[in-house]
Amino acid sequence: MTAELTLGAEEELHLIDVAMGRLSTRAPHLLSRLPADRFGAELQRSTIETNVPVVRTLSDLRREIVELRREVAEVTAAEGLAVAAVGTAPRSEFADFELTPTGRYGRMHEQYRLLVDEQLICGLQIHVGVADRDVAVRIAGRVAPVLPALLALSASSPFWNGQDTGYASIRSIIWQRWPSAGATGPMRDAAEYDRLLDDLIASGVIADAKMAYFDVRPSSHAPTLELRTCDACPLVDDAVLIAGLYRAAVRHAELDVLADRPYELRAQPLHRAAMWQAARAGLSGELLDLDAHCLLYTSDAADDGWLGSILVVRVLIIKKNMHALSTH
């Protein structure tokens, strides 16, 4: 299977004590009973990560996500536990945090302190295969305008530290505190991107390339372009929809890159504003459209998740070939 436009995903899932309704820190115990190639640990002991194998179609992606959720749910149920695919667990509090005991995570805790202590969040990462790394780096800048809508579509984290924050995605606001989070800005090729990573590592702000927590990045271990902006999604179909829309955006940008078409990149402060706007209101308010300047569209008419999804689809699918690709 070639890398071109294949799909993969990583889902971070909160581990919940059913009787208490609170986070459980028993992930290391449960992971010993799950296949290591499909499930992994995260920074916090209350999280299990699933790793979806490489697939070609959205139908296959959905099937794999469902199977992985089913597998981990069976193991947790036997222990009086459950998993929650949400950006933040509603009753989580700072006191629930326990660090996964590895040397790497220990070093992160020593350096970043509060950022680690408050990392009670779960996200969804989507991988789209792009075999040429130079092209992948150029695509990363071009897909930036669609990221706020994808974030809004995924928003599932209004609660944090036991409070209603007033944000649809407080997870994304918390995540942006990491020094390497956010957009890279335009990059000419992989060499320029690698120089950026080298400079960040040399600064001591990050330890290695895996800590480049950009919104979109070439994967450190696979020929893919990775989306990292989204909350974990309660509904599997929302995760699949986001994957299809992101792949469509990647393909659209890839065609533009290969044709060397010019484009006007939104100014970084406006991009940050658009991401904040999406985190604040989700699908219930205004979002910036795909234009380089400040044009708004509204999703106030969306009374439920499905209609909201349709509105986002209408904004993101620019060309017929994108529509065909995203629904394949």
Protein backbone atom coordinates (compact mmCIF):
# COMPACT_ATOMS: atom_id res chain seq x y z
CA MET A 1 0.00 0.00 0.00
CA THR A 2 1.45 3.39 -0.95
CA ALA A 3 1.26 6.31 1.45
CA GLU A 4 -0.77 8.49 -0.89
CA LEU A 5 -3.97 9.66 0.81
CA THR A 6 -4.17 6.69 3.15
CA LEU A 7 -5.82 7.29 6.51
CA GLY A 8 -4.88 6.60 10.11
CA ALA A 9 -5.95 7.90 13.49
CA GLU A 10 -5.02 8.03 17.14
CA GLU A 11 -7.75 8.47 19.75
CA GLU A 12 -7.01 9.44 23.34
CA LEU A 13 -9.67 8.06 25.71
CA HIS A 14 -10.34 9.03 29.33
CA LEU A 15 -10.57 6.14 31.77
CA ILE A 16 -13.59 6.56 34.09
CA ASP A 17 -14.48 4.83 37.36
CA VAL A 18 -18.16 4.04 36.75
CA ALA A 19 -19.19 4.00 40.41
CA MET A 20 -17.47 7.28 41.27
CA GLY A 21 -17.96 9.03 37.93
CA ARG A 22 -14.39 10.27 38.14
CA LEU A 23 -11.14 9.64 36.32
CA SER A 24 -9.37 6.39 37.10
CA THR A 25 -5.57 6.10 37.02
CA ARG A 26 -5.50 2.36 36.25
CA ALA A 27 -4.41 2.70 32.61
CA PRO A 28 -1.03 0.95 33.14
CA HIS A 29 -2.82 -2.09 34.60
CA LEU A 30 -5.30 -2.25 31.72
CA LEU A 31 -2.67 -1.72 29.05
CA SER A 32 -0.90 -4.88 30.21
CA ARG A 33 -3.99 -6.75 28.96
CA LEU A 34 -4.24 -5.02 25.57
CA PRO A 35 -2.12 -5.46 22.39
CA ALA A 36 0.82 -3.05 22.52
CA ASP A 37 0.67 -2.37 18.78
CA ARG A 38 -2.92 -1.06 19.04
CA PHE A 39 -3.03 0.60 22.46
CA GLY A 40 -0.57 2.82 24.28
CA ALA A 41 0.06 4.96 27.35
CA GLU A 42 -0.13 8.71 27.53
CA LEU A 43 1.29 11.37 29.84
CA GLN A 44 -1.48 10.83 32.39
CA ARG A 45 -2.34 7.45 33.97
CA SER A 46 -6.04 8.10 33.30
CA THR A 47 -5.69 7.91 29.49
CA ILE A 48 -5.44 5.10 26.96
CA GLU A 49 -4.50 5.83 23.35
CA THR A 50 -5.77 3.72 20.45
CA ASN A 51 -3.77 3.41 17.25
CA VAL A 52 -5.82 2.81 14.11
CA PRO A 53 -3.88 0.88 11.43
CA VAL A 54 -3.38 2.36 7.98
CA VAL A 55 -6.53 2.15 5.84
CA ARG A 56 -7.70 3.53 2.50
CA THR A 57 -11.40 4.27 2.94
CA LEU A 58 -13.56 6.07 5.46
CA SER A 59 -15.63 2.91 5.88
CA ASP A 60 -12.50 1.01 6.90
CA LEU A 61 -11.50 3.81 9.24
CA ARG A 62 -14.89 3.70 10.94
CA ARG A 63 -14.74 -0.06 11.32
CA GLU A 64 -11.29 0.09 12.92
CA ILE A 65 -12.23 2.88 15.34
CA VAL A 66 -15.34 0.98 16.42
CA GLU A 67 -13.36 -2.24 16.90
CA LEU A 68 -10.67 -0.53 19.00
CA ARG A 69 -13.26 1.19 21.18
CA ARG A 70 -15.09 -2.11 21.61
CA GLU A 71 -11.90 -3.93 22.57
CA VAL A 72 -10.86 -1.43 25.21
CA ALA A 73 -14.45 -1.17 26.52
CA GLU A 74 -14.57 -4.92 27.13
CA VAL A 75 -11.38 -4.83 29.16
CA THR A 76 -12.43 -1.81 31.20
CA ALA A 77 -15.97 -3.09 31.88
CA ALA A 78 -14.56 -6.16 33.61
CA GLU A 79 -12.85 -3.80 36.07
CA GLY A 80 -15.87 -1.56 36.75
CA LEU A 81 -14.43 1.11 34.47
CA ALA A 82 -15.43 2.77 31.19
CA VAL A 83 -13.83 5.00 28.57
CA ALA A 84 -14.97 8.44 27.44
CA ALA A 85 -14.01 9.84 24.02
CA VAL A 86 -14.24 13.54 24.95
CA GLY A 87 -11.79 16.42 25.11
CA THR A 88 -12.21 16.70 28.88
CA ALA A 89 -14.08 14.50 31.34
CA PRO A 90 -16.83 16.61 32.99
CA ARG A 91 -15.90 15.74 36.59
CA SER A 92 -12.13 15.74 36.22
CA GLU A 93 -10.13 17.89 38.61
CA PHE A 94 -6.46 18.76 38.92
CA ALA A 95 -6.13 16.40 41.89
CA ASP A 96 -6.98 13.48 39.57
CA PHE A 97 -3.70 13.81 37.68
CA GLU A 98 -1.10 11.08 38.11
CA LEU A 99 1.95 10.94 35.87
CA THR A 100 2.67 7.81 33.84
CA PRO A 101 5.98 6.59 35.33
CA THR A 102 8.46 6.70 32.45
CA GLY A 103 11.76 8.52 32.20
CA ARG A 104 10.54 10.62 29.29
CA TYR A 105 7.39 11.76 31.07
CA GLY A 106 9.35 12.39 34.25
CA ARG A 107 11.70 14.72 32.38
CA MET A 108 8.72 16.50 30.82
CA HIS A 109 7.19 17.01 34.25
CA GLU A 110 10.42 18.44 35.59
CA GLN A 111 10.66 20.96 32.74
CA TYR A 112 7.03 21.97 32.15
CA ARG A 113 5.55 21.53 35.64
CA LEU A 114 2.03 23.07 35.65
CA LEU A 115 1.48 22.33 31.97
CA VAL A 116 1.91 18.64 32.77
CA ASP A 117 -0.03 18.74 36.05
CA GLU A 118 -3.09 20.16 34.28
CA GLN A 119 -2.91 17.94 31.19
CA LEU A 120 -6.23 16.18 31.81
CA ILE A 121 -7.23 16.40 28.14
CA CYS A 122 -7.76 14.02 25.24
CA GLY A 123 -7.49 14.68 21.51
CA LEU A 124 -8.00 13.06 18.14
CA GLN A 125 -5.13 12.90 15.65
CA ILE A 126 -5.77 12.13 11.98
CA HIS A 127 -3.03 11.00 9.57
CA VAL A 128 -3.29 11.36 5.79
CA GLY A 129 -0.64 9.71 3.65
CA VAL A 130 1.60 12.09 1.69
CA ALA A 131 4.62 10.29 0.31
CA ASP A 132 6.70 13.37 -0.63
CA ARG A 133 7.84 15.15 2.54
CA ASP A 134 8.58 18.42 0.74
CA VAL A 135 5.02 18.46 -0.59
CA ALA A 136 3.67 17.57 2.86
CA VAL A 137 5.38 20.59 4.43
CA ARG A 138 3.94 22.90 1.79
CA ILE A 139 0.47 21.40 2.21
CA ALA A 140 0.60 22.04 5.95
CA GLY A 141 0.49 25.80 5.47
CA ARG A 142 -2.25 25.68 2.86
CA VAL A 143 -4.72 23.66 4.94
CA ALA A 144 -4.58 26.10 7.88
CA PRO A 145 -7.84 27.93 6.94
CA VAL A 146 -9.94 24.77 7.41
CA LEU A 147 -8.59 23.99 10.89
CA PRO A 148 -10.97 26.23 12.88
CA ALA A 149 -14.00 24.52 11.33
CA LEU A 150 -12.56 21.07 12.07
CA LEU A 151 -11.90 22.13 15.65
CA ALA A 152 -15.45 23.47 15.99
CA LEU A 153 -16.84 20.23 14.60
CA SER A 154 -14.92 18.19 17.18
CA ALA A 155 -15.51 20.45 20.20
CA SER A 156 -16.38 18.26 23.20
CA SER A 157 -14.70 19.86 26.20
CA PRO A 158 -16.78 22.55 27.91
CA PHE A 159 -15.78 21.35 31.41
CA TRP A 160 -12.40 21.49 33.11
CA ASN A 161 -11.36 21.18 36.74
CA GLY A 162 -15.00 20.62 37.64
CA GLN A 163 -16.19 23.88 36.09
CA ASP A 164 -18.26 24.94 33.09
CA THR A 165 -15.64 27.03 31.30
CA GLY A 166 -17.93 28.73 28.77
CA TYR A 167 -15.82 27.26 25.94
CA ALA A 168 -16.90 24.53 23.55
CA SER A 169 -13.28 23.30 23.45
CA ILE A 170 -11.30 24.29 26.51
CA ARG A 171 -8.96 21.42 25.61
CA SER A 172 -7.60 23.36 22.63
CA ILE A 173 -7.03 26.45 24.78
CA ILE A 174 -5.10 24.38 27.32
CA TRP A 175 -3.13 22.69 24.55
CA GLN A 176 -2.00 26.00 23.06
CA ARG A 177 0.10 26.67 26.18
CA TRP A 178 2.76 24.23 25.00
CA PRO A 179 5.70 26.19 23.51
CA SER A 180 5.61 24.32 20.20
CA ALA A 181 1.81 24.32 19.72
CA GLY A 182 0.05 26.28 16.97
CA ALA A 183 0.85 27.00 13.34
CA THR A 184 4.32 26.93 11.81
CA GLY A 185 3.54 29.55 9.18
CA PRO A 186 4.53 28.94 5.54
CA MET A 187 7.45 26.58 4.88
CA ARG A 188 9.18 26.06 1.52
CA ASP A 189 10.27 22.45 1.97
CA ALA A 190 11.23 19.71 4.43
CA ALA A 191 14.72 21.11 4.87
CA GLU A 192 13.32 24.40 6.20
CA TYR A 193 10.96 22.51 8.49
CA ASP A 194 13.82 20.37 9.80
CA ARG A 195 15.91 23.47 10.49
CA LEU A 196 13.01 24.83 12.53
CA LEU A 197 12.91 21.61 14.54
CA ASP A 198 16.68 21.69 15.03
CA ASP A 199 16.48 25.27 16.30
CA LEU A 200 13.66 24.41 18.71
CA ILE A 201 15.57 21.42 20.04
CA ALA A 202 18.79 23.43 20.34
CA SER A 203 16.91 26.07 22.33
CA GLY A 204 16.06 23.48 24.96
CA VAL A 205 12.34 24.30 24.73
CA ILE A 206 11.58 20.84 23.31
CA ALA A 207 13.58 17.64 23.70
CA ASP A 208 13.00 16.05 20.29
CA ALA A 209 10.92 16.12 17.10
CA LYS A 210 8.05 14.25 18.76
CA MET A 211 7.43 17.35 20.88
CA ALA A 212 6.73 19.55 17.86
CA TYR A 213 3.05 19.94 18.75
CA PHE A 214 2.09 21.96 15.67
CA ASP A 215 -1.53 22.06 14.47
CA VAL A 216 -0.47 20.14 11.37
CA ARG A 217 2.90 18.45 10.99
CA PRO A 218 4.71 15.81 8.97
CA SER A 219 4.70 12.74 11.19
CA SER A 220 7.97 11.96 12.95
CA HIS A 221 7.63 8.23 12.17
CA ALA A 222 5.48 7.77 9.03
CA PRO A 223 4.99 9.33 5.53
CA THR A 224 1.87 11.18 6.65
CA LEU A 225 0.63 14.68 7.39
CA GLU A 226 -0.86 14.70 10.87
CA LEU A 227 -3.79 16.82 12.09
CA ARG A 228 -3.53 17.59 15.82
CA THR A 229 -6.12 20.30 16.49
CA CYS A 230 -9.24 18.30 17.38
CA ASP A 231 -10.90 17.20 20.60
CA ALA A 232 -11.60 13.51 21.03
CA CYS A 233 -15.04 12.87 19.51
CA PRO A 234 -17.85 11.11 21.42
CA LEU A 235 -19.46 10.02 18.13
CA VAL A 236 -17.42 7.79 15.86
CA ASP A 237 -19.12 9.28 12.81
CA ASP A 238 -17.89 12.75 13.78
CA ALA A 239 -14.31 11.45 13.89
CA VAL A 240 -14.79 9.82 10.48
CA LEU A 241 -16.32 13.00 9.03
CA ILE A 242 -13.37 15.05 10.28
CA ALA A 243 -10.98 12.54 8.72
CA GLY A 244 -12.77 12.78 5.37
CA LEU A 245 -12.83 16.55 5.38
CA TYR A 246 -9.20 16.77 6.38
CA ARG A 247 -8.17 14.34 3.64
CA ALA A 248 -10.17 16.38 1.14
CA ALA A 249 -8.41 19.56 2.26
CA VAL A 250 -5.02 17.82 1.98
CA ARG A 251 -5.81 16.64 -1.54
CA HIS A 252 -7.04 20.07 -2.62
CA ALA A 253 -3.86 21.67 -1.26
CA GLU A 254 -1.71 18.96 -2.84
CA LEU A 255 -3.14 19.68 -6.28
CA ASP A 256 -2.43 23.37 -5.78
CA VAL A 257 1.14 22.67 -4.66
CA LEU A 258 1.84 20.39 -7.61
CA ALA A 259 0.40 23.00 -9.99
CA ASP A 260 2.38 25.72 -8.17
CA ARG A 261 -0.74 27.82 -7.74
CA PRO A 262 -0.31 30.98 -5.66
CA TYR A 263 -2.25 31.49 -2.46
CA GLU A 264 -2.63 34.15 0.20
CA LEU A 265 -2.01 32.85 3.70
CA ARG A 266 -4.10 34.29 6.51
CA ALA A 267 -2.03 36.42 8.90
CA GLN A 268 -1.00 34.49 12.02
CA PRO A 269 -2.93 36.74 14.46
CA LEU A 270 -6.09 36.18 12.39
CA HIS A 271 -5.44 32.45 12.35
CA ARG A 272 -5.09 32.45 16.13
CA ALA A 273 -8.28 34.49 16.37
CA ALA A 274 -10.11 31.99 14.17
CA MET A 275 -8.92 29.07 16.30
CA TRP A 276 -9.95 30.86 19.50
CA GLN A 277 -13.33 31.65 17.99
CA ALA A 278 -13.87 27.99 17.13
CA ALA A 279 -12.82 26.91 20.62
CA ARG A 280 -15.11 29.44 22.26
CA ALA A 281 -18.36 28.75 20.42
CA GLY A 282 -17.93 25.50 18.52
CA LEU A 283 -20.78 25.17 16.02
CA SER A 284 -23.06 27.53 17.93
CA GLY A 285 -21.53 30.84 16.80
CA GLU A 286 -19.59 32.50 13.99
CA LEU A 287 -16.47 31.13 12.35
CA LEU A 288 -14.07 32.58 9.80
CA ASP A 289 -14.48 31.20 6.30
CA LEU A 290 -11.64 30.09 4.03
CA ASP A 291 -10.79 33.58 2.82
CA ALA A 292 -7.46 35.15 3.82
CA HIS A 293 -9.30 38.07 5.39
CA CYS A 294 -12.02 38.40 7.99
CA LEU A 295 -15.27 37.08 6.47
CA LEU A 296 -17.69 35.32 8.81
CA TYR A 297 -20.23 32.58 8.41
CA THR A 298 -22.66 31.47 11.09
CA SER A 299 -23.88 28.12 12.31
CA ASP A 300 -26.52 29.56 14.65
CA ALA A 301 -29.18 27.59 12.76
CA ALA A 302 -27.60 24.30 13.81
CA ASP A 303 -29.92 22.85 16.43
CA ASP A 304 -28.17 19.49 16.52
CA GLY A 305 -24.81 17.93 15.72
CA TRP A 306 -25.86 16.54 12.34
CA LEU A 307 -27.09 19.86 10.96
CA GLY A 308 -24.00 21.55 12.32
CA SER A 309 -21.86 19.00 10.52
CA ILE A 310 -23.68 19.65 7.25
CA LEU A 311 -23.03 23.40 7.57
CA VAL A 312 -19.34 22.79 8.08
CA VAL A 313 -19.24 20.39 5.15
CA ARG A 314 -20.82 23.03 2.92
CA VAL A 315 -18.14 25.53 3.87
CA LEU A 316 -15.17 23.19 3.55
CA ILE A 317 -15.92 21.27 0.36
CA ILE A 318 -14.80 23.74 -2.24
CA LYS A 319 -14.66 21.62 -5.36
CA LYS A 320 -16.52 18.60 -6.66
CA ASN A 321 -13.41 16.44 -6.55
CA MET A 322 -13.04 17.25 -2.85
CA HIS A 323 -16.61 16.13 -2.28
CA ALA A 324 -15.98 12.87 -4.08
CA LEU A 325 -12.83 12.21 -2.09
CA SER A 326 -14.31 13.05 1.32
CA THR A 327 -17.28 10.72 0.83
CA HIS A 328 -15.29 7.79 -0.60
